[in-house]
C-alpha atoms as a PDB file:
ATOM      1  CA  VAL A   1     -18.084   0.789 -20.458  1.00  0.00           C
ATOM      2  CA  LEU A   2     -21.456   0.762 -18.661  1.00  0.00           C
ATOM      3  CA  ALA A   3     -20.577   4.082 -17.015  1.00  0.00           C
ATOM      4  CA  LEU A   4     -19.906   5.636 -20.437  1.00  0.00           C
ATOM      5  CA  TYR A   5     -23.214   4.310 -21.741  1.00  0.00           C
ATOM      6  CA  LEU A   6     -25.125   5.849 -18.805  1.00  0.00           C
ATOM      7  CA  LYS A   7     -23.153   9.107 -19.329  1.00  0.00           C
ATOM      8  CA  GLN A   8     -24.354   9.293 -22.942  1.00  0.00           C
ATOM      9  CA  ALA A   9     -27.827   7.949 -22.356  1.00  0.00           C
ATOM     10  CA  TYR A  10     -28.730  10.206 -19.405  1.00  0.00           C
ATOM     11  CA  THR A  11     -26.238  13.035 -19.808  1.00  0.00           C
ATOM     12  CA  VAL A  12     -24.695  12.557 -16.426  1.00  0.00           C
ATOM     13  CA  PRO A  13     -21.018  13.000 -15.510  1.00  0.00           C
ATOM     14  CA  ALA A  14     -18.858   9.904 -15.260  1.00  0.00           C
ATOM     15  CA  TYR A  15     -15.469   9.520 -13.567  1.00  0.00           C
ATOM     16  CA  PHE A  16     -12.858   6.830 -13.794  1.00  0.00           C
ATOM     17  CA  TYR A  17     -10.910   5.537 -10.785  1.00  0.00           C
ATOM     18  CA  ALA A  18      -7.519   4.451 -12.177  1.00  0.00           C
ATOM     19  CA  HIS A  19      -6.071   1.942  -9.805  1.00  0.00           C
ATOM     20  CA  THR A  20      -3.719  -0.294 -11.851  1.00  0.00           C
ATOM     21  CA  ASP A  21      -0.672   1.124 -13.720  1.00  0.00           C
ATOM     22  CA  TRP A  22      -1.374  -0.677 -16.995  1.00  0.00           C
ATOM     23  CA  MET A  23       1.717   0.677 -18.753  1.00  0.00           C
ATOM     24  CA  MET A  24       4.015  -0.759 -16.086  1.00  0.00           C
ATOM     25  CA  PHE A  25       2.040  -4.032 -16.134  1.00  0.00           C
ATOM     26  CA  ALA A  26       2.349  -4.253 -19.945  1.00  0.00           C
ATOM     27  CA  ARG A  27       6.076  -3.503 -19.872  1.00  0.00           C
ATOM     28  CA  THR A  28       7.166  -5.710 -16.972  1.00  0.00           C
ATOM     29  CA  VAL A  29       4.590  -8.560 -16.978  1.00  0.00           C
ATOM     30  CA  LEU A  30       3.426  -8.766 -20.587  1.00  0.00           C
ATOM     31  CA  ASN A  31       6.790  -7.764 -21.983  1.00  0.00           C
ATOM     32  CA  PHE A  32       5.340  -5.377 -24.543  1.00  0.00           C
ATOM     33  CA  ASP A  33       7.803  -3.746 -26.881  1.00  0.00           C
ATOM     34  CA  GLY A  34       7.945  -0.068 -27.745  1.00  0.00           C
ATOM     35  CA  HIS A  35       5.386  -0.346 -30.540  1.00  0.00           C
ATOM     36  CA  ASN A  36       2.800  -2.175 -28.448  1.00  0.00           C
ATOM     37  CA  LEU A  37       3.443   0.096 -25.508  1.00  0.00           C
ATOM     38  CA  ALA A  38       2.654   3.138 -27.694  1.00  0.00           C
ATOM     39  CA  ARG A  39      -0.497   1.455 -28.905  1.00  0.00           C
ATOM     40  CA  MET A  40      -1.632   0.735 -25.319  1.00  0.00           C
ATOM     41  CA  ARG A  41      -0.878   4.348 -24.335  1.00  0.00           C
ATOM     42  CA  ARG A  42      -3.131   5.623 -27.173  1.00  0.00           C
ATOM     43  CA  LEU A  43      -5.896   3.213 -26.216  1.00  0.00           C
ATOM     44  CA  LEU A  44      -5.720   4.327 -22.579  1.00  0.00           C
ATOM     45  CA  ARG A  45      -5.694   7.980 -23.576  1.00  0.00           C
ATOM     46  CA  ALA A  46      -8.840   7.461 -25.704  1.00  0.00           C
ATOM     47  CA  PHE A  47     -10.589   5.451 -23.013  1.00  0.00           C
ATOM     48  CA  TYR A  48      -9.725   7.804 -20.137  1.00  0.00           C
ATOM     49  CA  GLY A  49     -10.527  10.808 -22.272  1.00  0.00           C
ATOM     50  CA  ALA A  50     -14.112   9.736 -22.594  1.00  0.00           C
ATOM     51  CA  PHE A  51     -14.721  10.480 -18.871  1.00  0.00           C
ATOM     52  CA  ASP A  52     -15.281  13.815 -17.195  1.00  0.00           C
ATOM     53  CA  GLY A  53     -12.463  13.255 -14.775  1.00  0.00           C
ATOM     54  CA  LEU A  54      -9.926  10.790 -13.486  1.00  0.00           C
ATOM     55  CA  PHE A  55      -8.973   9.728  -9.955  1.00  0.00           C
ATOM     56  CA  VAL A  56      -5.529   8.357  -9.229  1.00  0.00           C
ATOM     57  CA  LEU A  57      -3.820   7.025  -6.075  1.00  0.00           C
ATOM     58  CA  ASN A  58      -0.335   8.531  -6.362  1.00  0.00           C
ATOM     59  CA  SER A  59       1.489  11.585  -7.536  1.00  0.00           C
ATOM     60  CA  ASP A  60       3.442   9.632 -10.270  1.00  0.00           C
ATOM     61  CA  GLN A  61       0.208   8.608 -11.937  1.00  0.00           C
ATOM     62  CA  ARG A  62      -1.041  12.156 -11.857  1.00  0.00           C
ATOM     63  CA  LYS A  63       2.181  13.506 -13.254  1.00  0.00           C
ATOM     64  CA  TRP A  64       2.097  10.962 -16.082  1.00  0.00           C
ATOM     65  CA  LEU A  65      -1.543  11.647 -17.060  1.00  0.00           C
ATOM     66  CA  THR A  66      -1.044  15.442 -17.019  1.00  0.00           C
ATOM     67  CA  GLY A  67       2.359  15.290 -18.784  1.00  0.00           C
ATOM     68  CA  SER A  68       3.185  15.512 -22.490  1.00  0.00           C
ATOM     69  CA  SER A  69       2.691  11.764 -23.203  1.00  0.00           C
ATOM     70  CA  MET A  70      -0.971  11.784 -22.143  1.00  0.00           C
ATOM     71  CA  GLY A  71      -1.900  15.459 -22.124  1.00  0.00           C
ATOM     72  CA  PHE A  72      -4.875  15.539 -19.754  1.00  0.00           C
ATOM     73  CA  ASP A  73      -6.063  18.753 -18.256  1.00  0.00           C
ATOM     74  CA  ALA A  74      -4.620  18.922 -14.665  1.00  0.00           C
ATOM     75  CA  SER A  75      -7.930  20.300 -13.375  1.00  0.00           C
ATOM     76  CA  LYS A  76      -9.637  17.005 -14.346  1.00  0.00           C
ATOM     77  CA  VAL A  77      -7.100  14.582 -12.766  1.00  0.00           C
ATOM     78  CA  PHE A  78      -7.568  14.217  -9.024  1.00  0.00           C
ATOM     79  CA  GLN A  79      -5.338  12.450  -6.512  1.00  0.00           C
ATOM     80  CA  THR A  80      -7.204  10.556  -3.810  1.00  0.00           C
ATOM     81  CA  ALA A  81      -6.313   7.851  -1.341  1.00  0.00           C
ATOM     82  CA  HIS A  82      -7.562   4.832   0.559  1.00  0.00           C
ATOM     83  CA  TRP A  83      -8.026   4.792   4.342  1.00  0.00           C
ATOM     84  CA  ALA A  84      -7.533   2.023   6.861  1.00  0.00           C
ATOM     85  CA  ASP A  85     -10.534   0.538   8.694  1.00  0.00           C
ATOM     86  CA  GLU A  86     -11.095   1.843  12.203  1.00  0.00           C
ATOM     87  CA  GLY A  87      -9.976  -1.462  13.621  1.00  0.00           C
ATOM     88  CA  PHE A  88      -6.346  -0.870  12.566  1.00  0.00           C
ATOM     89  CA  THR A  89      -4.985   0.500  15.812  1.00  0.00           C
ATOM     90  CA  PRO A  90      -2.142  -0.620  18.080  1.00  0.00           C
ATOM     91  CA  ARG A  91      -3.051  -3.732  20.088  1.00  0.00           C
ATOM     92  CA  PRO A  92      -1.273  -5.355  23.023  1.00  0.00           C
ATOM     93  CA  ALA A  93      -0.266  -8.440  21.010  1.00  0.00           C
ATOM     94  CA  GLY A  94       2.724 -10.404  22.097  1.00  0.00           C
ATOM     95  CA  LYS A  95       5.196 -12.143  19.767  1.00  0.00           C
ATOM     96  CA  ASP A  96       4.763 -15.355  21.750  1.00  0.00           C
ATOM     97  CA  LYS A  97       1.056 -15.490  20.889  1.00  0.00           C
ATOM     98  CA  ILE A  98       1.320 -14.298  17.309  1.00  0.00           C
ATOM     99  CA  PHE A  99       4.620 -15.720  16.105  1.00  0.00           C
ATOM    100  CA  GLY A 100       5.571 -18.321  18.722  1.00  0.00           C
ATOM    101  CA  LEU A 101       8.705 -16.337  19.716  1.00  0.00           C
ATOM    102  CA  LYS A 102      10.102 -14.603  22.729  1.00  0.00           C
ATOM    103  CA  ASN A 103       9.025 -10.966  22.961  1.00  0.00           C
ATOM    104  CA  ASN A 104      12.594  -9.741  22.619  1.00  0.00           C
ATOM    105  CA  GLU A 105      13.212 -11.478  19.282  1.00  0.00           C
ATOM    106  CA  PRO A 106      13.070  -9.012  16.309  1.00  0.00           C
ATOM    107  CA  VAL A 107      10.403  -9.741  13.668  1.00  0.00           C
ATOM    108  CA  VAL A 108      10.169  -8.257  10.188  1.00  0.00           C
ATOM    109  CA  LEU A 109       6.705  -8.746   8.729  1.00  0.00           C
ATOM    110  CA  PHE A 110       5.499  -9.135   5.111  1.00  0.00           C
ATOM    111  CA  ALA A 111       1.693  -8.926   4.725  1.00  0.00           C
ATOM    112  CA  GLY A 112      -0.146  -9.411   1.491  1.00  0.00           C
ATOM    113  CA  ARG A 113      -0.568 -11.651  -1.511  1.00  0.00           C
ATOM    114  CA  VAL A 114       2.317 -14.047  -1.809  1.00  0.00           C
ATOM    115  CA  SER A 115       3.000 -13.459  -5.493  1.00  0.00           C
ATOM    116  CA  ASP A 116       5.728 -12.282  -7.846  1.00  0.00           C
ATOM    117  CA  GLU A 117       4.314  -8.763  -8.303  1.00  0.00           C
ATOM    118  CA  LYS A 118       4.604  -8.293  -4.551  1.00  0.00           C
ATOM    119  CA  GLY A 119       8.353  -9.058  -4.724  1.00  0.00           C
ATOM    120  CA  VAL A 120       8.075 -11.912  -2.277  1.00  0.00           C
ATOM    121  CA  MET A 121      10.899 -13.891  -3.883  1.00  0.00           C
ATOM    122  CA  GLU A 122      13.306 -11.174  -2.725  1.00  0.00           C
ATOM    123  CA  LEU A 123      12.577 -12.119   0.882  1.00  0.00           C
ATOM    124  CA  PRO A 124      14.912 -15.166   1.076  1.00  0.00           C
ATOM    125  CA  GLN A 125      17.974 -13.130   0.036  1.00  0.00           C
ATOM    126  CA  LEU A 126      16.931 -10.239   2.255  1.00  0.00           C
ATOM    127  CA  TYR A 127      16.612 -12.704   5.156  1.00  0.00           C
ATOM    128  CA  GLN A 128      20.114 -13.964   4.558  1.00  0.00           C
ATOM    129  CA  LYS A 129      21.524 -10.405   4.591  1.00  0.00           C
ATOM    130  CA  LEU A 130      19.570  -9.602   7.792  1.00  0.00           C
ATOM    131  CA  ARG A 131      20.713 -12.689   9.621  1.00  0.00           C
ATOM    132  CA  SER A 132      24.371 -11.879   8.827  1.00  0.00           C
ATOM    133  CA  LYS A 133      23.847  -8.589  10.699  1.00  0.00           C
ATOM    134  CA  ILE A 134      21.247  -9.653  13.361  1.00  0.00           C
ATOM    135  CA  PRO A 135      21.472 -13.472  13.859  1.00  0.00           C
ATOM    136  CA  GLY A 136      18.211 -13.745  15.817  1.00  0.00           C
ATOM    137  CA  VAL A 137      15.985 -11.842  13.409  1.00  0.00           C
ATOM    138  CA  LYS A 138      12.877 -13.520  11.935  1.00  0.00           C
ATOM    139  CA  ILE A 139      10.796 -12.820   8.853  1.00  0.00           C
ATOM    140  CA  ALA A 140       7.110 -13.560   9.155  1.00  0.00           C
ATOM    141  CA  VAL A 141       4.759 -13.837   6.162  1.00  0.00           C
ATOM    142  CA  ALA A 142       1.038 -13.180   6.533  1.00  0.00           C
ATOM    143  CA  GLY A 143      -0.973 -14.128   3.448  1.00  0.00           C
ATOM    144  CA  ARG A 144      -1.329 -16.738   0.749  1.00  0.00           C
ATOM    145  CA  GLY A 145      -0.703 -16.791  -2.984  1.00  0.00           C
ATOM    146  CA  PRO A 146       0.739 -18.605  -5.979  1.00  0.00           C
ATOM    147  CA  CYS A 147       4.379 -18.260  -4.808  1.00  0.00           C
ATOM    148  CA  GLU A 148       3.734 -19.602  -1.276  1.00  0.00           C
ATOM    149  CA  GLN A 149       5.257 -23.084  -1.721  1.00  0.00           C
ATOM    150  CA  GLU A 150       8.237 -21.732  -3.666  1.00  0.00           C
ATOM    151  CA  LEU A 151       8.855 -19.150  -0.943  1.00  0.00           C
ATOM    152  CA  ARG A 152       8.552 -21.749   1.818  1.00  0.00           C
ATOM    153  CA  ALA A 153      11.175 -23.911   0.057  1.00  0.00           C
ATOM    154  CA  ALA A 154      13.530 -20.972  -0.393  1.00  0.00           C
ATOM    155  CA  MET A 155      13.074 -19.605   3.132  1.00  0.00           C
ATOM    156  CA  PRO A 156      12.388 -22.603   5.475  1.00  0.00           C
ATOM    157  CA  GLU A 157      13.412 -20.567   8.502  1.00  0.00           C
ATOM    158  CA  GLY A 158      10.601 -18.107   7.886  1.00  0.00           C
ATOM    159  CA  ILE A 159       7.391 -17.898   9.887  1.00  0.00           C
ATOM    160  CA  PHE A 160       4.378 -18.555   7.678  1.00  0.00           C
ATOM    161  CA  LEU A 161       1.077 -17.516   9.179  1.00  0.00           C
ATOM    162  CA  GLY A 162      -1.035 -18.334   6.083  1.00  0.00           C
ATOM    163  CA  TRP A 163      -4.303 -16.542   5.619  1.00  0.00           C
ATOM    164  CA  VAL A 164      -5.011 -14.092   8.484  1.00  0.00           C
ATOM    165  CA  ASP A 165      -8.595 -12.950   9.113  1.00  0.00           C
ATOM    166  CA  HIS A 166      -9.084  -9.255   8.630  1.00  0.00           C
ATOM    167  CA  ASP A 167     -10.026  -8.647  12.275  1.00  0.00           C
ATOM    168  CA  GLU A 168      -6.823 -10.351  13.457  1.00  0.00           C
ATOM    169  CA  LEU A 169      -4.431  -8.378  11.187  1.00  0.00           C
ATOM    170  CA  PRO A 170      -4.089  -5.463  13.580  1.00  0.00           C
ATOM    171  CA  GLY A 171      -2.667  -7.792  16.211  1.00  0.00           C
ATOM    172  CA  VAL A 172      -0.223  -9.234  13.686  1.00  0.00           C
ATOM    173  CA  TYR A 173       0.994  -5.782  12.688  1.00  0.00           C
ATOM    174  CA  SER A 174       1.255  -4.614  16.331  1.00  0.00           C
ATOM    175  CA  ALA A 175       3.352  -7.648  17.329  1.00  0.00           C
ATOM    176  CA  ALA A 176       5.984  -7.069  14.604  1.00  0.00           C
ATOM    177  CA  ASP A 177       8.783  -4.577  14.784  1.00  0.00           C
ATOM    178  CA  LEU A 178       8.406  -3.308  11.216  1.00  0.00           C
ATOM    179  CA  LEU A 179       6.790  -4.071   7.912  1.00  0.00           C
ATOM    180  CA  VAL A 180       8.747  -4.748   4.729  1.00  0.00           C
ATOM    181  CA  LEU A 181       7.211  -4.197   1.233  1.00  0.00           C
ATOM    182  CA  PRO A 182       9.530  -5.430  -1.534  1.00  0.00           C
ATOM    183  CA  SER A 183       7.024  -4.719  -4.295  1.00  0.00           C
ATOM    184  CA  ARG A 184       7.802  -2.201  -7.066  1.00  0.00           C
ATOM    185  CA  PHE A 185       4.258  -2.241  -8.522  1.00  0.00           C
ATOM    186  CA  ASP A 186       1.957  -0.972  -5.766  1.00  0.00           C
ATOM    187  CA  THR A 187       0.076   2.107  -6.914  1.00  0.00           C
ATOM    188  CA  PHE A 188      -0.892   2.838  -3.298  1.00  0.00           C
ATOM    189  CA  GLY A 189      -0.010   0.297  -0.648  1.00  0.00           C
ATOM    190  CA  CYS A 190      -2.888  -0.421   1.748  1.00  0.00           C
ATOM    191  CA  VAL A 191      -0.627  -2.606   3.874  1.00  0.00           C
ATOM    192  CA  VAL A 192       1.645   0.403   4.370  1.00  0.00           C
ATOM    193  CA  LEU A 193      -1.238   2.430   5.782  1.00  0.00           C
ATOM    194  CA  GLU A 194      -2.528  -0.443   7.855  1.00  0.00           C
ATOM    195  CA  ALA A 195       0.944  -0.895   9.447  1.00  0.00           C
ATOM    196  CA  LEU A 196       1.363   2.797  10.161  1.00  0.00           C
ATOM    197  CA  SER A 197      -2.099   2.846  11.695  1.00  0.00           C
ATOM    198  CA  CYS A 198      -0.977   0.111  14.091  1.00  0.00           C
ATOM    199  CA  GLY A 199       2.151   2.054  14.955  1.00  0.00           C
ATOM    200  CA  ILE A 200       4.885   0.147  13.148  1.00  0.00           C
ATOM    201  CA  PRO A 201       7.376   1.635  10.649  1.00  0.00           C
ATOM    202  CA  VAL A 202       7.567   0.477   7.041  1.00  0.00           C
ATOM    203  CA  VAL A 203      10.583  -0.125   4.709  1.00  0.00           C
ATOM    204  CA  ALA A 204       9.703  -0.140   1.016  1.00  0.00           C
ATOM    205  CA  TYR A 205      11.134   0.623  -2.348  1.00  0.00           C
ATOM    206  CA  ASN A 206      11.100   4.274  -3.392  1.00  0.00           C
ATOM    207  CA  THR A 207       8.302   3.834  -5.914  1.00  0.00           C
ATOM    208  CA  LYS A 208       4.852   5.186  -6.657  1.00  0.00           C
ATOM    209  CA  GLY A 209       2.315   4.742  -3.842  1.00  0.00           C
ATOM    210  CA  PRO A 210       4.648   3.926  -0.909  1.00  0.00           C
ATOM    211  CA  LYS A 211       6.757   7.049  -1.472  1.00  0.00           C
ATOM    212  CA  ASP A 212       3.665   9.243  -1.098  1.00  0.00           C
ATOM    213  CA  ILE A 213       2.753   7.635   2.231  1.00  0.00           C
ATOM    214  CA  ILE A 214       6.088   6.895   3.998  1.00  0.00           C
ATOM    215  CA  VAL A 215       7.963   9.842   5.431  1.00  0.00           C
ATOM    216  CA  HIS A 216      11.551   8.783   4.797  1.00  0.00           C
ATOM    217  CA  GLY A 217      13.546   8.771   8.032  1.00  0.00           C
ATOM    218  CA  GLU A 218      10.541   9.408  10.202  1.00  0.00           C
ATOM    219  CA  THR A 219       7.900   6.681   9.679  1.00  0.00           C
ATOM    220  CA  GLY A 220      10.130   4.260   7.792  1.00  0.00           C
ATOM    221  CA  PHE A 221      12.559   4.192   4.885  1.00  0.00           C
ATOM    222  CA  LEU A 222      12.355   4.327   1.082  1.00  0.00           C
ATOM    223  CA  VAL A 223      15.214   2.429  -0.502  1.00  0.00           C
ATOM    224  CA  LYS A 224      16.615   1.715  -3.997  1.00  0.00           C
ATOM    225  CA  ASN A 225      17.717  -1.934  -3.729  1.00  0.00           C
ATOM    226  CA  ARG A 226      17.722  -5.089  -1.514  1.00  0.00           C
ATOM    227  CA  GLY A 227      21.149  -4.287  -0.003  1.00  0.00           C
ATOM    228  CA  GLU A 228      19.999  -0.859   1.147  1.00  0.00           C
ATOM    229  CA  MET A 229      16.797  -2.360   2.501  1.00  0.00           C
ATOM    230  CA  ALA A 230      18.752  -4.880   4.597  1.00  0.00           C
ATOM    231  CA  GLU A 231      21.073  -2.073   5.875  1.00  0.00           C
ATOM    232  CA  VAL A 232      18.320   0.278   7.047  1.00  0.00           C
ATOM    233  CA  ILE A 233      16.303  -2.510   8.636  1.00  0.00           C
ATOM    234  CA  SER A 234      19.264  -3.855  10.567  1.00  0.00           C
ATOM    235  CA  LYS A 235      20.195  -0.410  11.853  1.00  0.00           C
ATOM    236  CA  LEU A 236      16.617   0.291  12.913  1.00  0.00           C
ATOM    237  CA  LEU A 237      16.187  -3.034  14.709  1.00  0.00           C
ATOM    238  CA  ARG A 238      19.329  -2.282  16.735  1.00  0.00           C
ATOM    239  CA  ASP A 239      18.109   1.145  17.772  1.00  0.00           C
ATOM    240  CA  GLU A 240      15.199   0.697  20.246  1.00  0.00           C
ATOM    241  CA  LYS A 241      14.929   4.424  20.968  1.00  0.00           C
ATOM    242  CA  ARG A 242      14.614   5.199  17.274  1.00  0.00           C
ATOM    243  CA  ILE A 243      12.010   2.481  16.726  1.00  0.00           C
ATOM    244  CA  LYS A 244       9.826   4.087  19.461  1.00  0.00           C
ATOM    245  CA  SER A 245      10.177   7.415  17.740  1.00  0.00           C
ATOM    246  CA  PHE A 246       9.162   5.888  14.408  1.00  0.00           C
ATOM    247  CA  ARG A 247       6.165   4.240  16.042  1.00  0.00           C
ATOM    248  CA  ARG A 248       4.904   7.579  17.307  1.00  0.00           C
ATOM    249  CA  ALA A 249       5.516   9.195  13.940  1.00  0.00           C
ATOM    250  CA  ALA A 250       3.761   6.319  12.173  1.00  0.00           C
ATOM    251  CA  LEU A 251       0.584   6.835  14.187  1.00  0.00           C
ATOM    252  CA  LYS A 252       0.635  10.596  13.471  1.00  0.00           C
ATOM    253  CA  ARG A 253       1.170  10.002   9.773  1.00  0.00           C
ATOM    254  CA  ALA A 254      -1.753   7.586   9.591  1.00  0.00           C
ATOM    255  CA  GLU A 255      -4.038  10.365  10.813  1.00  0.00           C
ATOM    256  CA  ASP A 256      -3.540  12.073   7.398  1.00  0.00           C
ATOM    257  CA  TYR A 257      -5.375   9.130   5.802  1.00  0.00           C
ATOM    258  CA  SER A 258      -8.707   9.262   7.618  1.00  0.00           C
ATOM    259  CA  VAL A 259     -12.133   9.040   5.990  1.00  0.00           C
ATOM    260  CA  ALA A 260     -12.918  12.453   7.466  1.00  0.00           C
ATOM    261  CA  LYS A 261     -10.137  13.994   5.414  1.00  0.00           C
ATOM    262  CA  ILE A 262     -10.299  11.973   2.202  1.00  0.00           C
ATOM    263  CA  LEU A 263     -14.024  11.586   1.539  1.00  0.00           C
ATOM    264  CA  PRO A 264     -15.017  15.316   1.641  1.00  0.00           C
ATOM    265  CA  ARG A 265     -12.273  16.152  -0.850  1.00  0.00           C
ATOM    266  CA  PHE A 266     -13.295  13.266  -3.077  1.00  0.00           C
ATOM    267  CA  LEU A 267     -16.923  14.403  -3.054  1.00  0.00           C
ATOM    268  CA  ASP A 268     -15.920  17.996  -3.725  1.00  0.00           C
ATOM    269  CA  ASP A 269     -13.890  16.872  -6.709  1.00  0.00           C
ATOM    270  CA  ILE A 270     -16.925  15.294  -8.306  1.00  0.00           C
ATOM    271  CA  GLY A 271     -19.176  18.252  -7.379  1.00  0.00           C
ATOM    272  CA  LEU A 272     -21.199  16.693  -4.600  1.00  0.00           C
ATOM    273  CA  PRO A 273     -21.921  18.439  -1.260  1.00  0.00           C
ATOM    274  CA  ALA A 274     -19.630  16.651   1.188  1.00  0.00           C
ATOM    275  CA  GLU A 275     -21.408  17.877   4.337  1.00  0.00           C
ATOM    276  CA  ALA A 276     -24.700  16.321   3.241  1.00  0.00           C
ATOM    277  CA  ALA A 277     -23.151  13.035   2.323  1.00  0.00           C
ATOM    278  CA  LEU A 278     -21.265  12.788   5.613  1.00  0.00           C
ATOM    279  CA  CYS A 279     -24.440  13.572   7.529  1.00  0.00           C
ATOM    280  CA  ARG A 280     -26.198  10.735   5.721  1.00  0.00           C
ATOM    281  CA  GLU A 281     -23.369   8.422   6.467  1.00  0.00           C
ATOM    282  CA  SER A 282     -23.429   9.326  10.124  1.00  0.00           C
ATOM    283  CA  ARG A 283     -27.234   8.849  10.250  1.00  0.00           C
ATOM    284  CA  ASP A 284     -26.982   5.469   8.537  1.00  0.00           C
ATOM    285  CA  ARG A 285     -24.379   4.332  11.065  1.00  0.00           C
ATOM    286  CA  LYS A 286     -26.602   5.341  13.985  1.00  0.00           C
ATOM    287  CA  LYS A 287     -29.498   3.401  12.484  1.00  0.00           C
ATOM    288  CA  SER A 288     -27.454   0.278  11.964  1.00  0.00           C
ATOM    289  CA  ALA A 289     -26.114   0.544  15.541  1.00  0.00           C
ATOM    290  CA  GLY A 290     -29.566   1.148  17.020  1.00  0.00           C
END
């Protein structure tokens, strides 16, 4: 609202960065019926339409906004992305130090907020399916949230790391064999990108953000349901040669999400000279380092 006020008061362009999928949130969390969903869609269209352009984080959002239900000009809807911090790189972290396990024991990692929207309560049943195929497999959970105690009770054999400091996360990713993301709501999936940047494959549902980042069958898998998720994970964990191939592909894919590639395009979309901005950023970094 403040941005729209400044736009009118000073005749400057204003852009909106659409992160949350409010229609999905209203449908699945707030349980809106068809009438209220239509009302929300009209409100969003009016609000978004007041801006000079929109930025979205996945192709599904862009398709919806430029489609018949919303009707925005495709030239004013831009797809952008996040990038992982420079610290997210492969590290020589052992499972013994991170998880208290032998280094040959397979570990499936979940990282993020331990809450319903992240699909964490699917992990206990997924764990059961995986253990029936690979008895020694472990699921580790890095993070805290409102479902933590419920998840601990439902999955007592799990490894719960609690809150992990940002600087320590790369070591946790690197020590795991793969990352699992059971969420169906992520509009991007920063944990997906962080995992790929540390060289570990990702298995997620074939939805919104993750499907734009993961290259199916090369850097991980995109699946439809929990049974398929357990199947591809168990097959991958039994194939050491394939995991190594996925790790190499993961690092290569992560290179597509660098600040050097994303920021210039973002600045160009809003009509700013990217070269000048990047030069200023480089100069500021040198000053802070010196």
